[in-house]
């Protein structure tokens, strides 16, 4: 249970929730595009990019929650037998 990350996912969700003013990057593959957009626009990331990245962030944390849920379900089922 000590390996379950609560804080990191909470920070990612908080950033994604505030996508109108925050750029959240959860995948290193997006770094280059974000940096390039900021270079072209003088440091500004578009609302469209922020929304796309927020969706990706929620998808990532949702996937993580599913992994944790599956793990706990397996433990519960193992104890039931």
PDB file of N, CA and C in Angstrom:
ATOM      1  N   UNK A   1       0.818  -1.197   0.000  1.00  0.00           N
ATOM      2  CA  UNK A   1       0.000   0.000   0.000  1.00  0.00           C
ATOM      3  C   UNK A   1       0.861   1.260   0.000  1.00  0.00           C
ATOM      4  N   UNK A   2       2.088   1.150   0.485  1.00  0.00           N
ATOM      5  CA  UNK A   2       2.945   2.329   0.513  1.00  0.00           C
ATOM      6  C   UNK A   2       3.309   2.814  -0.876  1.00  0.00           C
ATOM      7  N   UNK A   3       3.213   1.953  -1.881  1.00  0.00           N
ATOM      8  CA  UNK A   3       3.578   2.327  -3.234  1.00  0.00           C
ATOM      9  C   UNK A   3       2.484   3.052  -3.999  1.00  0.00           C
ATOM     10  N   UNK A   4       1.316   3.212  -3.389  1.00  0.00           N
ATOM     11  CA  UNK A   4       0.220   3.904  -4.069  1.00  0.00           C
ATOM     12  C   UNK A   4       0.421   5.404  -3.916  1.00  0.00           C
ATOM     13  N   UNK A   5       0.522   6.087  -5.054  1.00  0.00           N
ATOM     14  CA  UNK A   5       0.767   7.531  -5.073  1.00  0.00           C
ATOM     15  C   UNK A   5      -0.557   8.282  -4.994  1.00  0.00           C
ATOM     16  N   UNK A   6      -0.733   9.025  -3.927  1.00  0.00           N
ATOM     17  CA  UNK A   6      -1.930   9.839  -3.761  1.00  0.00           C
ATOM     18  C   UNK A   6      -1.638  11.290  -4.148  1.00  0.00           C
ATOM     19  N   UNK A   7      -0.512  11.809  -3.683  1.00  0.00           N
ATOM     20  CA  UNK A   7      -0.173  13.218  -3.885  1.00  0.00           C
ATOM     21  C   UNK A   7       0.070  13.595  -5.328  1.00  0.00           C
ATOM     22  N   UNK A   8       0.818  12.759  -6.038  1.00  0.00           N
ATOM     23  CA  UNK A   8       1.136  13.079  -7.432  1.00  0.00           C
ATOM     24  C   UNK A   8      -0.099  13.153  -8.301  1.00  0.00           C
ATOM     25  N   UNK A   9      -0.984  12.179  -8.131  1.00  0.00           N
ATOM     26  CA  UNK A   9      -2.203  12.190  -8.939  1.00  0.00           C
ATOM     27  C   UNK A   9      -3.110  13.357  -8.559  1.00  0.00           C
ATOM     28  N   UNK A  10      -3.126  13.723  -7.285  1.00  0.00           N
ATOM     29  CA  UNK A  10      -3.927  14.874  -6.859  1.00  0.00           C
ATOM     30  C   UNK A  10      -3.397  16.160  -7.490  1.00  0.00           C
ATOM     31  N   UNK A  11      -2.078  16.296  -7.555  1.00  0.00           N
ATOM     32  CA  UNK A  11      -1.488  17.483  -8.179  1.00  0.00           C
ATOM     33  C   UNK A  11      -1.800  17.538  -9.667  1.00  0.00           C
ATOM     34  N   UNK A  12      -1.715  16.400 -10.333  1.00  0.00           N
ATOM     35  CA  UNK A  12      -2.018  16.357 -11.766  1.00  0.00           C
ATOM     36  C   UNK A  12      -3.481  16.718 -11.999  1.00  0.00           C
ATOM     37  N   UNK A  13      -4.383  16.155 -11.204  1.00  0.00           N
ATOM     38  CA  UNK A  13      -5.809  16.470 -11.356  1.00  0.00           C
ATOM     39  C   UNK A  13      -6.080  17.949 -11.103  1.00  0.00           C
ATOM     40  N   UNK A  14      -5.445  18.496 -10.086  1.00  0.00           N
ATOM     41  CA  UNK A  14      -5.634  19.909  -9.775  1.00  0.00           C
ATOM     42  C   UNK A  14      -5.178  20.790 -10.931  1.00  0.00           C
ATOM     43  N   UNK A  15      -4.027  20.470 -11.491  1.00  0.00           N
ATOM     44  CA  UNK A  15      -3.525  21.238 -12.632  1.00  0.00           C
ATOM     45  C   UNK A  15      -4.467  21.094 -13.822  1.00  0.00           C
ATOM     46  N   UNK A  16      -4.909  19.873 -14.099  1.00  0.00           N
ATOM     47  CA  UNK A  16      -5.792  19.642 -15.240  1.00  0.00           C
ATOM     48  C   UNK A  16      -7.136  20.340 -15.061  1.00  0.00           C
ATOM     49  N   UNK A  17      -7.633  20.355 -13.835  1.00  0.00           N
ATOM     50  CA  UNK A  17      -8.901  21.029 -13.538  1.00  0.00           C
ATOM     51  C   UNK A  17      -8.809  22.512 -13.864  1.00  0.00           C
ATOM     52  N   UNK A  18      -7.638  23.073 -13.692  1.00  0.00           N
ATOM     53  CA  UNK A  18      -7.409  24.498 -13.929  1.00  0.00           C
ATOM     54  C   UNK A  18      -6.773  24.753 -15.293  1.00  0.00           C
ATOM     55  N   UNK A  19      -7.141  23.939 -16.280  1.00  0.00           N
ATOM     56  CA  UNK A  19      -6.501  23.991 -17.593  1.00  0.00           C
ATOM     57  C   UNK A  19      -6.605  25.350 -18.275  1.00  0.00           C
ATOM     58  N   UNK A  20      -7.570  26.169 -17.883  1.00  0.00           N
ATOM     59  CA  UNK A  20      -7.697  27.481 -18.526  1.00  0.00           C
ATOM     60  C   UNK A  20      -6.520  28.388 -18.202  1.00  0.00           C
ATOM     61  N   UNK A  21      -5.823  28.090 -17.097  1.00  0.00           N
ATOM     62  CA  UNK A  21      -4.678  28.927 -16.725  1.00  0.00           C
ATOM     63  C   UNK A  21      -3.419  28.123 -16.425  1.00  0.00           C
ATOM     64  N   UNK A  22      -3.494  26.799 -16.577  1.00  0.00           N
ATOM     65  CA  UNK A  22      -2.358  25.939 -16.242  1.00  0.00           C
ATOM     66  C   UNK A  22      -2.119  24.963 -17.391  1.00  0.00           C
ATOM     67  N   UNK A  23      -0.852  24.767 -17.714  1.00  0.00           N
ATOM     68  CA  UNK A  23      -0.470  23.748 -18.690  1.00  0.00           C
ATOM     69  C   UNK A  23       0.073  22.556 -17.923  1.00  0.00           C
ATOM     70  N   UNK A  24      -0.569  21.410 -18.076  1.00  0.00           N
ATOM     71  CA  UNK A  24      -0.139  20.200 -17.377  1.00  0.00           C
ATOM     72  C   UNK A  24       0.378  19.208 -18.415  1.00  0.00           C
ATOM     73  N   UNK A  25       1.603  18.752 -18.212  1.00  0.00           N
ATOM     74  CA  UNK A  25       2.220  17.804 -19.142  1.00  0.00           C
ATOM     75  C   UNK A  25       2.518  16.518 -18.377  1.00  0.00           C
ATOM     76  N   UNK A  26       1.859  15.432 -18.775  1.00  0.00           N
ATOM     77  CA  UNK A  26       2.043  14.146 -18.097  1.00  0.00           C
ATOM     78  C   UNK A  26       2.810  13.138 -18.940  1.00  0.00           C
ATOM     79  N   UNK A  27       3.147  13.527 -20.151  1.00  0.00           N
ATOM     80  CA  UNK A  27       3.842  12.622 -21.067  1.00  0.00           C
ATOM     81  C   UNK A  27       5.001  13.380 -21.701  1.00  0.00           C
ATOM     82  N   UNK A  28       6.194  12.875 -21.520  1.00  0.00           N
ATOM     83  CA  UNK A  28       7.382  13.563 -22.032  1.00  0.00           C
ATOM     84  C   UNK A  28       7.343  13.740 -23.547  1.00  0.00           C
ATOM     85  N   UNK A  29       6.538  12.962 -24.222  1.00  0.00           N
ATOM     86  CA  UNK A  29       6.419  13.120 -25.672  1.00  0.00           C
ATOM     87  C   UNK A  29       5.820  14.481 -26.043  1.00  0.00           C
ATOM     88  N   UNK A  30       5.121  15.120 -25.109  1.00  0.00           N
ATOM     89  CA  UNK A  30       4.491  16.420 -25.359  1.00  0.00           C
ATOM     90  C   UNK A  30       5.410  17.608 -25.082  1.00  0.00           C
ATOM     91  N   UNK A  31       6.544  17.384 -24.436  1.00  0.00           N
ATOM     92  CA  UNK A  31       7.439  18.491 -24.090  1.00  0.00           C
ATOM     93  C   UNK A  31       7.830  19.319 -25.307  1.00  0.00           C
ATOM     94  N   UNK A  32       8.282  18.663 -26.348  1.00  0.00           N
ATOM     95  CA  UNK A  32       8.766  19.374 -27.528  1.00  0.00           C
ATOM     96  C   UNK A  32       7.715  20.280 -28.138  1.00  0.00           C
ATOM     97  N   UNK A  33       6.496  19.771 -28.290  1.00  0.00           N
ATOM     98  CA  UNK A  33       5.421  20.561 -28.890  1.00  0.00           C
ATOM     99  C   UNK A  33       5.057  21.753 -28.016  1.00  0.00           C
ATOM    100  N   UNK A  34       5.022  21.551 -26.702  1.00  0.00           N
ATOM    101  CA  UNK A  34       4.697  22.652 -25.793  1.00  0.00           C
ATOM    102  C   UNK A  34       5.803  23.706 -25.835  1.00  0.00           C
ATOM    103  N   UNK A  35       7.038  23.272 -25.793  1.00  0.00           N
ATOM    104  CA  UNK A  35       8.162  24.213 -25.846  1.00  0.00           C
ATOM    105  C   UNK A  35       8.150  24.979 -27.166  1.00  0.00           C
ATOM    106  N   UNK A  36       7.892  24.287 -28.257  1.00  0.00           N
ATOM    107  CA  UNK A  36       7.849  24.945 -29.567  1.00  0.00           C
ATOM    108  C   UNK A  36       6.707  25.955 -29.632  1.00  0.00           C
ATOM    109  N   UNK A  37       5.547  25.585 -29.120  1.00  0.00           N
ATOM    110  CA  UNK A  37       4.418  26.519 -29.099  1.00  0.00           C
ATOM    111  C   UNK A  37       4.763  27.755 -28.274  1.00  0.00           C
ATOM    112  N   UNK A  38       5.401  27.552 -27.140  1.00  0.00           N
ATOM    113  CA  UNK A  38       5.790  28.684 -26.298  1.00  0.00           C
ATOM    114  C   UNK A  38       6.841  29.548 -26.994  1.00  0.00           C
ATOM    115  N   UNK A  39       7.745  28.927 -27.723  1.00  0.00           N
ATOM    116  CA  UNK A  39       8.772  29.686 -28.438  1.00  0.00           C
ATOM    117  C   UNK A  39       8.127  30.572 -29.501  1.00  0.00           C
ATOM    118  N   UNK A  40       7.171  30.015 -30.228  1.00  0.00           N
ATOM    119  CA  UNK A  40       6.513  30.749 -31.313  1.00  0.00           C
ATOM    120  C   UNK A  40       5.627  31.870 -30.785  1.00  0.00           C
ATOM    121  N   UNK A  41       4.973  31.629 -29.658  1.00  0.00           N
ATOM    122  CA  UNK A  41       3.976  32.579 -29.146  1.00  0.00           C
ATOM    123  C   UNK A  41       4.501  33.484 -28.037  1.00  0.00           C
ATOM    124  N   UNK A  42       5.780  33.430 -27.774  1.00  0.00           N
ATOM    125  CA  UNK A  42       6.328  34.264 -26.705  1.00  0.00           C
ATOM    126  C   UNK A  42       5.964  33.780 -25.318  1.00  0.00           C
ATOM    127  N   UNK A  43       5.859  32.476 -25.157  1.00  0.00           N
ATOM    128  CA  UNK A  43       5.617  31.898 -23.841  1.00  0.00           C
ATOM    129  C   UNK A  43       4.179  31.535 -23.554  1.00  0.00           C
ATOM    130  N   UNK A  44       3.309  31.681 -24.533  1.00  0.00           N
ATOM    131  CA  UNK A  44       1.887  31.408 -24.327  1.00  0.00           C
ATOM    132  C   UNK A  44       1.534  30.025 -24.879  1.00  0.00           C
ATOM    133  N   UNK A  45       0.751  29.294 -24.104  1.00  0.00           N
ATOM    134  CA  UNK A  45       0.212  28.013 -24.562  1.00  0.00           C
ATOM    135  C   UNK A  45      -1.275  28.233 -24.830  1.00  0.00           C
ATOM    136  N   UNK A  46      -1.737  27.808 -25.985  1.00  0.00           N
ATOM    137  CA  UNK A  46      -3.120  28.066 -26.401  1.00  0.00           C
ATOM    138  C   UNK A  46      -4.125  27.324 -25.519  1.00  0.00           C
ATOM    139  N   UNK A  47      -5.339  27.869 -25.433  1.00  0.00           N
ATOM    140  CA  UNK A  47      -6.397  27.171 -24.697  1.00  0.00           C
ATOM    141  C   UNK A  47      -6.664  25.773 -25.258  1.00  0.00           C
ATOM    142  N   UNK A  48      -6.557  25.613 -26.567  1.00  0.00           N
ATOM    143  CA  UNK A  48      -6.779  24.306 -27.192  1.00  0.00           C
ATOM    144  C   UNK A  48      -5.733  23.291 -26.736  1.00  0.00           C
ATOM    145  N   UNK A  49      -4.480  23.733 -26.683  1.00  0.00           N
ATOM    146  CA  UNK A  49      -3.416  22.840 -26.220  1.00  0.00           C
ATOM    147  C   UNK A  49      -3.619  22.493 -24.755  1.00  0.00           C
ATOM    148  N   UNK A  50      -3.941  23.498 -23.939  1.00  0.00           N
ATOM    149  CA  UNK A  50      -4.167  23.236 -22.512  1.00  0.00           C
ATOM    150  C   UNK A  50      -5.315  22.254 -22.301  1.00  0.00           C
ATOM    151  N   UNK A  51      -6.382  22.392 -23.074  1.00  0.00           N
ATOM    152  CA  UNK A  51      -7.517  21.475 -22.946  1.00  0.00           C
ATOM    153  C   UNK A  51      -7.114  20.064 -23.366  1.00  0.00           C
ATOM    154  N   UNK A  52      -6.413  19.941 -24.481  1.00  0.00           N
ATOM    155  CA  UNK A  52      -5.965  18.625 -24.953  1.00  0.00           C
ATOM    156  C   UNK A  52      -5.078  17.955 -23.910  1.00  0.00           C
ATOM    157  N   UNK A  53      -4.169  18.733 -23.311  1.00  0.00           N
ATOM    158  CA  UNK A  53      -3.270  18.176 -22.301  1.00  0.00           C
ATOM    159  C   UNK A  53      -4.016  17.833 -21.012  1.00  0.00           C
ATOM    160  N   UNK A  54      -5.040  18.610 -20.674  1.00  0.00           N
ATOM    161  CA  UNK A  54      -5.848  18.309 -19.488  1.00  0.00           C
ATOM    162  C   UNK A  54      -6.594  16.992 -19.672  1.00  0.00           C
ATOM    163  N   UNK A  55      -7.138  16.785 -20.867  1.00  0.00           N
ATOM    164  CA  UNK A  55      -7.811  15.513 -21.160  1.00  0.00           C
ATOM    165  C   UNK A  55      -6.827  14.366 -20.981  1.00  0.00           C
ATOM    166  N   UNK A  56      -5.635  14.536 -21.520  1.00  0.00           N
ATOM    167  CA  UNK A  56      -4.611  13.492 -21.411  1.00  0.00           C
ATOM    168  C   UNK A  56      -4.258  13.234 -19.942  1.00  0.00           C
ATOM    169  N   UNK A  57      -4.198  14.293 -19.146  1.00  0.00           N
ATOM    170  CA  UNK A  57      -3.876  14.149 -17.725  1.00  0.00           C
ATOM    171  C   UNK A  57      -4.959  13.362 -16.991  1.00  0.00           C
ATOM    172  N   UNK A  58      -6.229  13.691 -17.251  1.00  0.00           N
ATOM    173  CA  UNK A  58      -7.307  12.950 -16.603  1.00  0.00           C
ATOM    174  C   UNK A  58      -7.356  11.504 -17.084  1.00  0.00           C
ATOM    175  N   UNK A  59      -7.062  11.275 -18.352  1.00  0.00           N
ATOM    176  CA  UNK A  59      -7.002   9.894 -18.841  1.00  0.00           C
ATOM    177  C   UNK A  59      -5.899   9.120 -18.125  1.00  0.00           C
ATOM    178  N   UNK A  60      -4.765   9.769 -17.921  1.00  0.00           N
ATOM    179  CA  UNK A  60      -3.632   9.109 -17.260  1.00  0.00           C
ATOM    180  C   UNK A  60      -3.963   8.790 -15.810  1.00  0.00           C
ATOM    181  N   UNK A  61      -4.542   9.760 -15.073  1.00  0.00           N
ATOM    182  CA  UNK A  61      -4.860   9.494 -13.666  1.00  0.00           C
ATOM    183  C   UNK A  61      -5.989   8.475 -13.543  1.00  0.00           C
ATOM    184  N   UNK A  62      -6.910   8.486 -14.481  1.00  0.00           N
ATOM    185  CA  UNK A  62      -7.985   7.494 -14.480  1.00  0.00           C
ATOM    186  C   UNK A  62      -7.422   6.095 -14.684  1.00  0.00           C
ATOM    187  N   UNK A  63      -6.480   5.968 -15.590  1.00  0.00           N
ATOM    188  CA  UNK A  63      -5.833   4.673 -15.838  1.00  0.00           C
ATOM    189  C   UNK A  63      -5.102   4.208 -14.577  1.00  0.00           C
ATOM    190  N   UNK A  64      -4.427   5.136 -13.907  1.00  0.00           N
ATOM    191  CA  UNK A  64      -3.717   4.808 -12.668  1.00  0.00           C
ATOM    192  C   UNK A  64      -4.706   4.333 -11.601  1.00  0.00           C
ATOM    193  N   UNK A  65      -5.820   5.051 -11.467  1.00  0.00           N
ATOM    194  CA  UNK A  65      -6.845   4.650 -10.497  1.00  0.00           C
ATOM    195  C   UNK A  65      -7.362   3.249 -10.793  1.00  0.00           C
ATOM    196  N   UNK A  66      -7.523   2.931 -12.068  1.00  0.00           N
ATOM    197  CA  UNK A  66      -7.968   1.597 -12.458  1.00  0.00           C
ATOM    198  C   UNK A  66      -6.983   0.520 -12.043  1.00  0.00           C
ATOM    199  N   UNK A  67      -5.700   0.812 -12.196  1.00  0.00           N
ATOM    200  CA  UNK A  67      -4.658  -0.141 -11.795  1.00  0.00           C
ATOM    201  C   UNK A  67      -4.711  -0.376 -10.287  1.00  0.00           C
ATOM    202  N   UNK A  68      -4.845   0.703  -9.524  1.00  0.00           N
ATOM    203  CA  UNK A  68      -4.922   0.588  -8.064  1.00  0.00           C
ATOM    204  C   UNK A  68      -6.180  -0.182  -7.667  1.00  0.00           C
ATOM    205  N   UNK A  69      -7.292   0.146  -8.291  1.00  0.00           N
ATOM    206  CA  UNK A  69      -8.552  -0.535  -7.995  1.00  0.00           C
ATOM    207  C   UNK A  69      -8.460  -2.032  -8.288  1.00  0.00           C
ATOM    208  N   UNK A  70      -7.877  -2.382  -9.420  1.00  0.00           N
ATOM    209  CA  UNK A  70      -7.704  -3.801  -9.761  1.00  0.00           C
ATOM    210  C   UNK A  70      -6.845  -4.517  -8.724  1.00  0.00           C
ATOM    211  N   UNK A  71      -5.775  -3.870  -8.304  1.00  0.00           N
ATOM    212  CA  UNK A  71      -4.881  -4.454  -7.302  1.00  0.00           C
ATOM    213  C   UNK A  71      -5.635  -4.715  -5.995  1.00  0.00           C
ATOM    214  N   UNK A  72      -6.376  -3.718  -5.539  1.00  0.00           N
ATOM    215  CA  UNK A  72      -7.111  -3.869  -4.281  1.00  0.00           C
ATOM    216  C   UNK A  72      -8.218  -4.916  -4.405  1.00  0.00           C
ATOM    217  N   UNK A  73      -8.883  -4.962  -5.545  1.00  0.00           N
ATOM    218  CA  UNK A  73      -9.926  -5.959  -5.773  1.00  0.00           C
ATOM    219  C   UNK A  73      -9.339  -7.368  -5.701  1.00  0.00           C
ATOM    220  N   UNK A  74      -8.188  -7.564  -6.314  1.00  0.00           N
ATOM    221  CA  UNK A  74      -7.532  -8.876  -6.282  1.00  0.00           C
ATOM    222  C   UNK A  74      -7.165  -9.273  -4.855  1.00  0.00           C
ATOM    223  N   UNK A  75      -6.683  -8.305  -4.084  1.00  0.00           N
ATOM    224  CA  UNK A  75      -6.362  -8.600  -2.675  1.00  0.00           C
ATOM    225  C   UNK A  75      -7.613  -8.978  -1.901  1.00  0.00           C
ATOM    226  N   UNK A  76      -8.691  -8.245  -2.134  1.00  0.00           N
ATOM    227  CA  UNK A  76      -9.943  -8.526  -1.426  1.00  0.00           C
ATOM    228  C   UNK A  76     -10.480  -9.902  -1.795  1.00  0.00           C
ATOM    229  N   UNK A  77     -10.403 -10.248  -3.063  1.00  0.00           N
ATOM    230  CA  UNK A  77     -10.890 -11.556  -3.507  1.00  0.00           C
ATOM    231  C   UNK A  77     -10.027 -12.679  -2.941  1.00  0.00           C
ATOM    232  N   UNK A  78      -8.737 -12.462  -2.852  1.00  0.00           N
ATOM    233  CA  UNK A  78      -7.832 -13.479  -2.308  1.00  0.00           C
ATOM    234  C   UNK A  78      -8.139 -13.735  -0.835  1.00  0.00           C
ATOM    235  N   UNK A  79      -8.531 -12.708  -0.120  1.00  0.00           N
ATOM    236  CA  UNK A  79      -8.856 -12.864   1.304  1.00  0.00           C
ATOM    237  C   UNK A  79     -10.214 -13.519   1.505  1.00  0.00           C
ATOM    238  N   UNK A  80     -11.088 -13.406   0.516  1.00  0.00           N
ATOM    239  CA  UNK A  80     -12.439 -13.963   0.637  1.00  0.00           C
ATOM    240  C   UNK A  80     -12.432 -15.482   0.540  1.00  0.00           C
ATOM    241  N   UNK A  81     -11.370 -16.050  -0.017  1.00  0.00           N
ATOM    242  CA  UNK A  81     -11.316 -17.507  -0.209  1.00  0.00           C
ATOM    243  C   UNK A  81     -10.382 -18.163   0.748  1.00  0.00           C
TER     244      UNK A  81
END
